Amino acid sequence: MLMPIVYRQIENIANNGPLAESMAKVKTYLLKAYQQNAITNNYWDYVIYNYLRHGVDFHTGYEDLLNGLTAQDIRQIAKDMLKSNRRIEITMMPE
């Protein structure tokens, strides 16, 4: 079963944080994806919709936020997830 593995990985991140090389790869990927998406109409539709509807600006400062993200930030998120004890597990059964 996959769920115990997922929970162990979240616990590992909460206790030890992510690997530095993993953080670098994820940041590189997210920055590249952001730059590619920022030239599409769908991206701007999403940004404008959320700004007008919810007052949230998903565009301004994204790169600074991403570059400022630390392993300790990820570790704290994992701790908060485990501490919240709020989980939904969905089991999909084939026909």
Protein backbone atom coordinates (compact mmCIF):
# COMPACT_ATOMS: atom_id res chain seq x y z
CA MET A 1 0.00 0.00 0.00
CA LEU A 2 1.26 3.46 -0.89
CA MET A 3 -0.10 5.54 2.02
CA PRO A 4 2.34 4.31 4.70
CA ILE A 5 5.22 5.22 2.37
CA VAL A 6 3.81 8.72 1.83
CA TYR A 7 3.42 9.27 5.59
CA ARG A 8 6.98 8.01 6.24
CA GLN A 9 8.34 10.43 3.66
CA ILE A 10 6.46 13.37 5.19
CA GLU A 11 7.78 12.35 8.63
CA ASN A 12 11.29 12.12 7.19
CA ILE A 13 11.01 15.63 5.76
CA ALA A 14 9.55 16.92 9.05
CA ASN A 15 12.47 15.42 11.00
CA ASN A 16 15.36 15.94 8.59
CA GLY A 17 14.19 18.43 6.00
CA PRO A 18 14.52 17.94 2.24
CA LEU A 19 17.87 17.21 0.63
CA ALA A 20 19.69 20.30 -0.64
CA GLU A 21 19.96 18.81 -4.14
CA SER A 22 16.21 18.10 -4.17
CA MET A 23 15.46 21.68 -3.13
CA ALA A 24 17.67 23.02 -5.91
CA LYS A 25 16.04 20.79 -8.53
CA VAL A 26 12.53 21.72 -7.45
CA LYS A 27 13.32 25.44 -7.41
CA THR A 28 14.89 25.20 -10.88
CA TYR A 29 11.87 23.33 -12.22
CA LEU A 30 9.32 25.71 -10.65
CA LEU A 31 11.14 28.77 -11.95
CA LYS A 32 11.30 27.32 -15.46
CA ALA A 33 7.62 26.33 -15.35
CA TYR A 34 6.70 29.79 -14.08
CA GLN A 35 8.58 31.51 -16.89
CA GLN A 36 6.96 29.25 -19.49
CA ASN A 37 3.48 29.68 -18.05
CA ALA A 38 3.79 33.48 -17.72
CA ILE A 39 3.61 33.80 -21.51
CA THR A 40 0.28 31.99 -21.82
CA ASN A 41 -3.24 33.35 -21.70
CA ASN A 42 -4.32 30.62 -19.26
CA TYR A 43 -1.76 31.81 -16.71
CA TRP A 44 -2.89 35.41 -16.90
CA ASP A 45 -6.54 34.36 -16.81
CA TYR A 46 -5.81 32.52 -13.55
CA VAL A 47 -3.84 35.45 -12.11
CA ILE A 48 -6.46 38.06 -13.01
CA TYR A 49 -9.38 35.90 -11.88
CA ASN A 50 -7.85 35.27 -8.45
CA TYR A 51 -6.87 38.91 -8.04
CA LEU A 52 -10.33 40.21 -8.91
CA ARG A 53 -12.33 37.45 -7.20
CA HIS A 54 -10.23 36.81 -4.07
CA GLY A 55 -7.85 39.77 -3.91
CA VAL A 56 -4.83 37.44 -4.11
CA ASP A 57 -1.91 38.30 -6.40
CA PHE A 58 -0.22 35.07 -7.46
CA HIS A 59 2.18 36.84 -9.81
CA THR A 60 3.94 39.69 -8.00
CA GLY A 61 6.98 38.52 -6.05
CA TYR A 62 6.72 34.85 -7.09
CA GLU A 63 10.39 34.54 -8.04
CA ASP A 64 11.54 36.23 -4.83
CA LEU A 65 9.27 33.98 -2.79
CA LEU A 66 10.56 30.88 -4.55
CA ASN A 67 14.21 31.89 -4.22
CA GLY A 68 13.73 32.73 -0.53
CA LEU A 69 12.18 29.38 0.31
CA THR A 70 14.44 27.35 2.63
CA ALA A 71 14.70 23.73 3.67
CA GLN A 72 13.56 24.84 7.14
CA ASP A 73 10.38 26.28 5.60
CA ILE A 74 9.61 22.94 3.95
CA ARG A 75 10.43 21.10 7.15
CA GLN A 76 7.99 23.32 9.09
CA ILE A 77 5.23 22.74 6.52
CA ALA A 78 5.70 18.97 6.87
CA LYS A 79 5.55 19.27 10.68
CA ASP A 80 2.39 21.35 10.45
CA MET A 81 0.78 18.82 8.11
CA LEU A 82 1.48 15.95 10.49
CA LYS A 83 0.42 17.92 13.55
CA SER A 84 -2.90 19.00 12.02
CA ASN A 85 -4.11 15.39 11.84
CA ARG A 86 -6.38 16.40 8.98
CA ARG A 87 -6.22 13.80 6.24
CA ILE A 88 -8.47 12.45 3.57
CA GLU A 89 -7.64 9.11 2.05
CA ILE A 90 -9.38 8.03 -1.13
CA THR A 91 -9.31 4.45 -2.33
CA MET A 92 -10.11 3.94 -5.99
CA MET A 93 -11.35 0.54 -7.00
CA PRO A 94 -11.29 -0.77 -10.59
CA GLU A 95 -14.58 -1.79 -12.14
